[in-house]
Amino acid sequence: MLDSTVPQIRHDWHTNEILDLYALPFNDLLFKAQTIHRENFNPNEVQISSLLSIKTGSCSEDCGYCPQSARYDSGLTSEPLMAIYDVLKAAEQAKSQGASRFCMGAAWRKPKDSDIERVVEMVQGVKALGMETCVTLGMLTDTQTTRLKEGGLDYYNHNLDTSEDYYSEIITTRTYKDRLDTLERVRDAGINVCCGGIIGMGESDLDRANLLLQLANLPQHPESVPVNMLVQVQGTPLMGTEQLDPLVFVRTIAVARIIMPKSRVRLSAGRNEMSDEMQALCFFAGANSIFYGDKLLTTDNPMTNHDLNLFARLGLKSAGSSYA
């Protein structure tokens, strides 16, 4: 076992330390993760977010997992930026179903300044409903991050997706540094960071460890860490990738909880392919946030009623999303 006297909050992790955590006996790893989880959060509360695609498809990026890329024939119908009224109507519905944070995603490589102004109106409308706000819009400039902060944005999502070494196998149209630069701009603007990755894209154990290493060694841990399991979509390059061992995914949740003890660790894409038992293990391993609703941007998500039923069976309840 690792030395229990190691301080909880660290930004100087080494790859070998994270690989050692992954290699722990499963029960020991989950016990360690659950112990740390209980020290920082109520173990029976889960923060609920809802995600809406406010601009769908026709993206110029070549992310190998994404059906929204204009480069792939995934059968997705492109849609322009939604009207503010429709976005707020969706937010009201999400709130009525128990969501405390409303996340809006647009399939852009990088938005125009005029796009930012429309998004700010959406953010302000959602906040007026009493919900936290999060957007994911691609790469940002300093001016754009400042404007989003002025507009009241609470969180900005910009995932690293995978390790720096494996990144070029998944995406070639922007660099790893581009992503890190955007995260730095968001943090410098005073906006909370939502940043995680995707597991099951054919990456190695070392790649998974180095993704978590990058997240944990940021100057400040992301307030939210979404851990996605690859959803394979017909027409995308990653269709046909070998399925990930579910226990590897649970281990990833546990390691994320251990090395980023005060972050919300979110079960994100891929829950529709997870059994209830697998999700229960993830909650025990330290996941304490989910995306709620039947869609995650463009891919299926468990129905709301199914989630409520699972919560009842596990004795879980929805929580506010203040950063502990």
Protein backbone atom coordinates (compact mmCIF):
# COMPACT_ATOMS: atom_id res chain seq x y z
CA MET A 1 0.00 0.00 0.00
CA LEU A 2 1.08 3.58 -0.57
CA ASP A 3 2.14 5.66 2.44
CA SER A 4 -1.04 7.02 4.03
CA THR A 5 0.89 10.01 5.36
CA VAL A 6 1.26 11.48 1.84
CA PRO A 7 -0.59 14.84 1.77
CA GLN A 8 -3.98 14.67 0.05
CA ILE A 9 -3.62 17.65 -2.27
CA ARG A 10 -0.66 17.21 -4.55
CA HIS A 11 0.43 18.57 -7.90
CA ASP A 12 3.68 16.61 -8.16
CA TRP A 13 2.52 13.11 -9.01
CA HIS A 14 4.79 10.75 -10.96
CA THR A 15 3.64 8.24 -13.56
CA ASN A 16 4.95 5.30 -11.58
CA GLU A 17 2.91 6.32 -8.54
CA ILE A 18 -0.27 6.35 -10.61
CA LEU A 19 0.57 3.01 -12.24
CA ASP A 20 1.13 1.61 -8.73
CA LEU A 21 -2.36 2.75 -7.76
CA TYR A 22 -3.84 1.10 -10.85
CA ALA A 23 -2.01 -2.12 -9.93
CA LEU A 24 -3.40 -2.36 -6.38
CA PRO A 25 -5.71 -5.28 -5.62
CA PHE A 26 -9.18 -4.15 -6.66
CA ASN A 27 -10.60 -4.20 -3.12
CA ASP A 28 -7.64 -2.26 -1.73
CA LEU A 29 -7.91 0.36 -4.46
CA LEU A 30 -11.65 0.89 -3.92
CA PHE A 31 -11.23 0.99 -0.13
CA LYS A 32 -8.57 3.68 -0.48
CA ALA A 33 -10.69 5.67 -2.93
CA GLN A 34 -13.83 5.38 -0.79
CA THR A 35 -11.93 6.45 2.32
CA ILE A 36 -10.66 9.59 0.58
CA HIS A 37 -14.09 10.20 -0.91
CA ARG A 38 -15.71 10.16 2.53
CA GLU A 39 -13.13 12.61 3.86
CA ASN A 40 -14.18 15.19 1.27
CA PHE A 41 -17.80 14.51 0.27
CA ASN A 42 -21.04 13.01 1.45
CA PRO A 43 -20.70 9.49 -0.04
CA ASN A 44 -24.44 9.21 -0.70
CA GLU A 45 -24.88 12.42 -2.70
CA VAL A 46 -24.43 12.80 -6.44
CA GLN A 47 -24.38 16.14 -8.27
CA ILE A 48 -26.61 16.12 -11.35
CA SER A 49 -25.81 18.02 -14.53
CA SER A 50 -27.73 18.17 -17.79
CA LEU A 51 -26.06 18.61 -21.18
CA LEU A 52 -27.56 20.19 -24.30
CA SER A 53 -26.05 20.47 -27.77
CA ILE A 54 -26.75 24.09 -28.68
CA LYS A 55 -25.00 23.85 -32.07
CA THR A 56 -24.68 20.42 -33.66
CA GLY A 57 -22.39 19.00 -36.34
CA SER A 58 -20.31 20.47 -39.20
CA CYS A 59 -17.23 20.71 -36.99
CA SER A 60 -13.91 21.08 -38.81
CA GLU A 61 -11.98 19.01 -36.24
CA ASP A 62 -11.08 15.37 -36.88
CA CYS A 63 -11.54 13.90 -33.37
CA GLY A 64 -11.73 10.17 -34.10
CA TYR A 65 -14.55 9.50 -31.64
CA CYS A 66 -16.87 12.33 -32.62
CA PRO A 67 -19.89 12.00 -34.94
CA GLN A 68 -20.08 15.81 -35.14
CA SER A 69 -16.99 16.05 -37.33
CA ALA A 70 -17.76 17.17 -40.89
CA ARG A 71 -15.12 14.68 -42.04
CA TYR A 72 -17.14 11.57 -41.13
CA ASP A 73 -20.39 10.14 -42.46
CA SER A 74 -22.06 9.35 -39.16
CA GLY A 75 -25.60 10.12 -40.30
CA LEU A 76 -25.79 13.13 -37.98
CA THR A 77 -27.94 16.05 -39.09
CA SER A 78 -26.20 19.39 -38.57
CA GLU A 79 -28.10 22.13 -36.78
CA PRO A 80 -27.24 25.84 -36.33
CA LEU A 81 -26.92 27.60 -32.99
CA MET A 82 -30.20 27.23 -31.11
CA ALA A 83 -32.52 30.09 -30.30
CA ILE A 84 -32.17 31.36 -26.74
CA TYR A 85 -35.84 30.62 -25.99
CA ASP A 86 -35.39 26.93 -26.86
CA VAL A 87 -32.24 26.66 -24.75
CA LEU A 88 -33.96 28.15 -21.70
CA LYS A 89 -36.94 25.87 -22.19
CA ALA A 90 -34.58 22.86 -22.10
CA ALA A 91 -32.87 24.27 -19.00
CA GLU A 92 -36.22 24.66 -17.22
CA GLN A 93 -37.03 21.02 -17.98
CA ALA A 94 -33.61 19.89 -16.73
CA LYS A 95 -34.11 21.81 -13.49
CA SER A 96 -37.55 20.26 -12.98
CA GLN A 97 -35.91 16.84 -13.27
CA GLY A 98 -33.34 17.58 -10.56
CA ALA A 99 -30.35 19.00 -12.43
CA SER A 100 -28.40 21.70 -10.60
CA ARG A 101 -26.02 22.53 -13.45
CA PHE A 102 -26.90 23.11 -17.10
CA CYS A 103 -24.13 22.49 -19.61
CA MET A 104 -24.23 23.75 -23.20
CA GLY A 105 -22.01 22.34 -25.94
CA ALA A 106 -21.36 23.76 -29.40
CA ALA A 107 -19.51 21.90 -32.16
CA TRP A 108 -16.95 24.56 -32.97
CA ARG A 109 -13.20 24.43 -33.37
CA LYS A 110 -13.24 27.94 -31.94
CA PRO A 111 -16.17 30.36 -31.69
CA LYS A 112 -16.44 33.82 -33.20
CA ASP A 113 -16.82 36.80 -30.88
CA SER A 114 -20.41 37.21 -32.12
CA ASP A 115 -21.09 33.59 -31.11
CA ILE A 116 -19.80 34.33 -27.62
CA GLU A 117 -22.30 37.16 -27.22
CA ARG A 118 -25.20 34.82 -27.98
CA VAL A 119 -23.82 32.20 -25.59
CA VAL A 120 -23.49 34.83 -22.85
CA GLU A 121 -27.21 35.58 -23.25
CA MET A 122 -27.91 31.86 -22.78
CA VAL A 123 -25.67 31.73 -19.70
CA GLN A 124 -27.41 34.70 -18.13
CA GLY A 125 -30.83 33.19 -18.85
CA VAL A 126 -29.91 29.85 -17.29
CA LYS A 127 -28.42 31.54 -14.22
CA ALA A 128 -31.66 33.47 -13.79
CA LEU A 129 -33.34 30.07 -13.34
CA GLY A 130 -31.09 29.44 -10.34
CA MET A 131 -28.83 26.88 -12.05
CA GLU A 132 -25.07 26.70 -12.42
CA THR A 133 -23.79 27.11 -15.97
CA CYS A 134 -21.15 25.34 -18.01
CA VAL A 135 -20.26 25.62 -21.69
CA THR A 136 -17.91 23.80 -24.04
CA LEU A 137 -17.17 25.77 -27.19
CA GLY A 138 -13.69 24.74 -28.31
CA MET A 139 -10.60 26.94 -28.16
CA LEU A 140 -10.96 30.44 -26.73
CA THR A 141 -9.10 33.73 -26.90
CA ASP A 142 -8.30 35.87 -23.86
CA THR A 143 -11.02 38.32 -24.87
CA GLN A 144 -13.60 35.55 -25.14
CA THR A 145 -12.78 34.02 -21.74
CA THR A 146 -13.01 37.47 -20.15
CA ARG A 147 -16.40 38.03 -21.76
CA LEU A 148 -17.71 34.66 -20.55
CA LYS A 149 -16.54 35.48 -17.03
CA GLU A 150 -18.23 38.88 -17.19
CA GLY A 151 -21.37 37.14 -18.39
CA GLY A 152 -21.44 35.02 -15.24
CA LEU A 153 -20.25 31.65 -16.58
CA ASP A 154 -19.50 29.21 -13.74
CA TYR A 155 -17.65 26.37 -15.52
CA TYR A 156 -15.87 25.83 -18.82
CA ASN A 157 -15.40 22.30 -20.13
CA HIS A 158 -12.37 21.50 -22.27
CA ASN A 159 -11.25 17.88 -22.09
CA LEU A 160 -7.71 16.67 -22.70
CA ASP A 161 -9.22 13.40 -24.02
CA THR A 162 -6.11 11.24 -23.56
CA SER A 163 -2.38 11.36 -22.86
CA GLU A 164 -0.09 13.69 -24.78
CA ASP A 165 1.73 10.72 -26.32
CA TYR A 166 -1.46 9.08 -27.63
CA TYR A 167 -3.20 12.31 -28.58
CA SER A 168 -2.06 12.39 -32.23
CA GLU A 169 -3.66 8.95 -32.73
CA ILE A 170 -7.04 10.50 -31.95
CA ILE A 171 -6.83 14.14 -33.13
CA THR A 172 -4.57 15.95 -35.62
CA THR A 173 -6.40 19.25 -36.17
CA ARG A 174 -5.33 20.81 -32.88
CA THR A 175 -2.43 20.13 -30.57
CA TYR A 176 -2.28 19.06 -26.95
CA LYS A 177 -0.76 22.44 -26.16
CA ASP A 178 -3.78 24.14 -27.73
CA ARG A 179 -5.93 22.41 -25.14
CA LEU A 180 -3.63 23.27 -22.26
CA ASP A 181 -3.48 26.89 -23.41
CA THR A 182 -7.29 27.13 -23.39
CA LEU A 183 -7.42 25.64 -19.88
CA GLU A 184 -4.88 28.22 -18.73
CA ARG A 185 -6.94 31.06 -20.21
CA VAL A 186 -10.09 29.78 -18.52
CA ARG A 187 -8.36 29.48 -15.15
CA ASP A 188 -6.72 32.90 -15.49
CA ALA A 189 -10.13 34.43 -16.21
CA GLY A 190 -11.43 33.05 -12.90
CA ILE A 191 -13.80 30.45 -14.40
CA ASN A 192 -14.04 27.00 -12.83
CA VAL A 193 -12.48 24.24 -14.94
CA CYS A 194 -14.24 21.08 -16.08
CA CYS A 195 -11.66 18.79 -17.67
CA GLY A 196 -11.29 15.06 -18.10
CA GLY A 197 -10.90 12.49 -20.83
CA ILE A 198 -12.17 9.45 -22.68
CA ILE A 199 -11.28 5.89 -21.73
CA GLY A 200 -11.43 2.95 -24.12
CA MET A 201 -10.05 4.52 -27.32
CA GLY A 202 -7.36 1.87 -27.69
CA GLU A 203 -4.96 3.64 -25.31
CA SER A 204 -2.55 1.77 -23.05
CA ASP A 205 -2.45 1.58 -19.26
CA LEU A 206 0.42 4.08 -19.44
CA ASP A 207 -1.70 6.50 -21.49
CA ARG A 208 -4.52 6.35 -18.93
CA ALA A 209 -2.03 6.99 -16.14
CA ASN A 210 -0.47 9.92 -17.98
CA LEU A 211 -3.87 11.49 -18.69
CA LEU A 212 -4.67 11.46 -14.98
CA LEU A 213 -1.14 12.66 -14.23
CA GLN A 214 -1.64 15.70 -16.46
CA LEU A 215 -4.94 16.54 -14.78
CA ALA A 216 -3.65 16.10 -11.24
CA ASN A 217 -0.48 18.10 -11.88
CA LEU A 218 -2.26 21.17 -13.24
CA PRO A 219 -1.60 24.19 -10.99
CA GLN A 220 -5.13 23.71 -9.64
CA HIS A 221 -7.15 20.52 -9.93
CA PRO A 222 -10.21 20.80 -12.19
CA GLU A 223 -13.32 21.37 -10.10
CA SER A 224 -15.07 18.78 -12.28
CA VAL A 225 -13.38 15.76 -13.88
CA PRO A 226 -15.63 14.01 -16.42
CA VAL A 227 -14.50 10.45 -17.14
CA ASN A 228 -16.06 9.25 -20.39
CA MET A 229 -16.16 5.73 -21.75
CA LEU A 230 -15.89 5.68 -25.54
CA VAL A 231 -19.26 5.51 -27.27
CA GLN A 232 -18.59 3.89 -30.63
CA VAL A 233 -20.51 5.59 -33.45
CA GLN A 234 -20.86 4.14 -36.93
CA GLY A 235 -18.86 6.15 -39.45
CA THR A 236 -16.23 7.41 -37.01
CA PRO A 237 -12.64 6.09 -37.11
CA LEU A 238 -12.86 4.56 -33.62
CA MET A 239 -15.83 2.38 -34.52
CA GLY A 240 -14.74 -1.21 -33.93
CA THR A 241 -12.21 -0.42 -31.20
CA GLU A 242 -11.78 -3.30 -28.76
CA GLN A 243 -14.15 -2.98 -25.85
CA LEU A 244 -12.63 -1.80 -22.57
CA ASP A 245 -12.66 -4.09 -19.53
CA PRO A 246 -15.31 -2.51 -17.27
CA LEU A 247 -13.10 -3.00 -14.21
CA VAL A 248 -10.37 -0.89 -15.85
CA PHE A 249 -12.90 1.92 -16.10
CA VAL A 250 -13.81 1.53 -12.42
CA ARG A 251 -10.11 1.57 -11.53
CA THR A 252 -9.74 4.83 -13.48
CA ILE A 253 -12.55 6.41 -11.45
CA ALA A 254 -10.89 5.27 -8.22
CA VAL A 255 -7.45 6.59 -9.17
CA ALA A 256 -8.96 9.93 -10.22
CA ARG A 257 -10.66 10.19 -6.83
CA ILE A 258 -7.42 9.42 -4.96
CA ILE A 259 -5.20 11.91 -6.77
CA MET A 260 -7.83 14.67 -7.11
CA PRO A 261 -9.65 14.25 -3.79
CA LYS A 262 -11.71 17.44 -3.83
CA SER A 263 -12.81 17.36 -7.49
CA ARG A 264 -16.23 16.22 -8.62
CA VAL A 265 -15.55 13.04 -10.60
CA ARG A 266 -18.31 12.69 -13.18
CA LEU A 267 -19.63 9.61 -14.92
CA SER A 268 -20.18 11.03 -18.39
CA ALA A 269 -20.48 9.44 -21.84
CA GLY A 270 -20.88 5.69 -21.99
CA ARG A 271 -23.32 5.19 -19.12
CA ASN A 272 -25.88 3.79 -21.53
CA GLU A 273 -23.53 0.86 -22.10
CA MET A 274 -22.81 0.38 -18.36
CA SER A 275 -24.76 -2.03 -16.21
CA ASP A 276 -26.32 -0.74 -13.00
CA GLU A 277 -23.78 -2.82 -11.12
CA MET A 278 -20.87 -1.18 -12.94
CA GLN A 279 -22.25 2.27 -12.17
CA ALA A 280 -22.69 1.29 -8.52
CA LEU A 281 -19.02 0.31 -8.39
CA CYS A 282 -18.10 3.66 -9.94
CA PHE A 283 -20.07 5.52 -7.25
CA PHE A 284 -18.31 3.47 -4.58
CA ALA A 285 -14.96 4.24 -6.24
CA GLY A 286 -15.60 7.97 -5.86
CA ALA A 287 -17.74 9.16 -8.77
CA ASN A 288 -20.14 11.77 -7.44
CA SER A 289 -21.55 13.51 -10.48
CA ILE A 290 -23.48 12.39 -13.56
CA PHE A 291 -25.01 13.80 -16.70
CA TYR A 292 -28.78 13.42 -16.56
CA GLY A 293 -31.19 13.10 -19.48
CA ASP A 294 -31.62 10.89 -22.53
CA LYS A 295 -28.93 12.56 -24.65
CA LEU A 296 -25.29 13.60 -24.22
CA LEU A 297 -24.85 16.05 -27.09
CA THR A 298 -25.61 13.47 -29.80
CA THR A 299 -25.24 10.05 -28.14
CA ASP A 300 -27.75 8.16 -26.01
CA ASN A 301 -27.76 8.39 -22.21
CA PRO A 302 -29.85 6.43 -19.67
CA MET A 303 -33.39 7.73 -19.36
CA THR A 304 -34.11 10.00 -16.40
CA ASN A 305 -36.53 7.51 -14.82
CA HIS A 306 -33.88 4.79 -14.95
CA ASP A 307 -31.40 7.04 -13.15
CA LEU A 308 -33.95 7.91 -10.47
CA ASN A 309 -34.67 4.24 -9.95
CA LEU A 310 -30.98 3.42 -9.66
CA PHE A 311 -30.47 6.25 -7.17
CA ALA A 312 -33.34 4.89 -5.07
CA ARG A 313 -31.91 1.36 -5.13
CA LEU A 314 -28.50 2.65 -4.04
CA GLY A 315 -29.79 5.12 -1.46
CA LEU A 316 -28.28 8.06 -3.32
CA LYS A 317 -29.71 11.56 -3.51
CA SER A 318 -28.95 14.58 -5.65
CA ALA A 319 -26.56 17.16 -4.24
CA GLY A 320 -25.66 20.77 -4.81
CA SER A 321 -22.44 21.28 -6.73
CA SER A 322 -20.41 23.60 -4.51
CA TYR A 323 -16.70 22.85 -4.69
CA ALA A 324 -15.65 21.29 -1.37
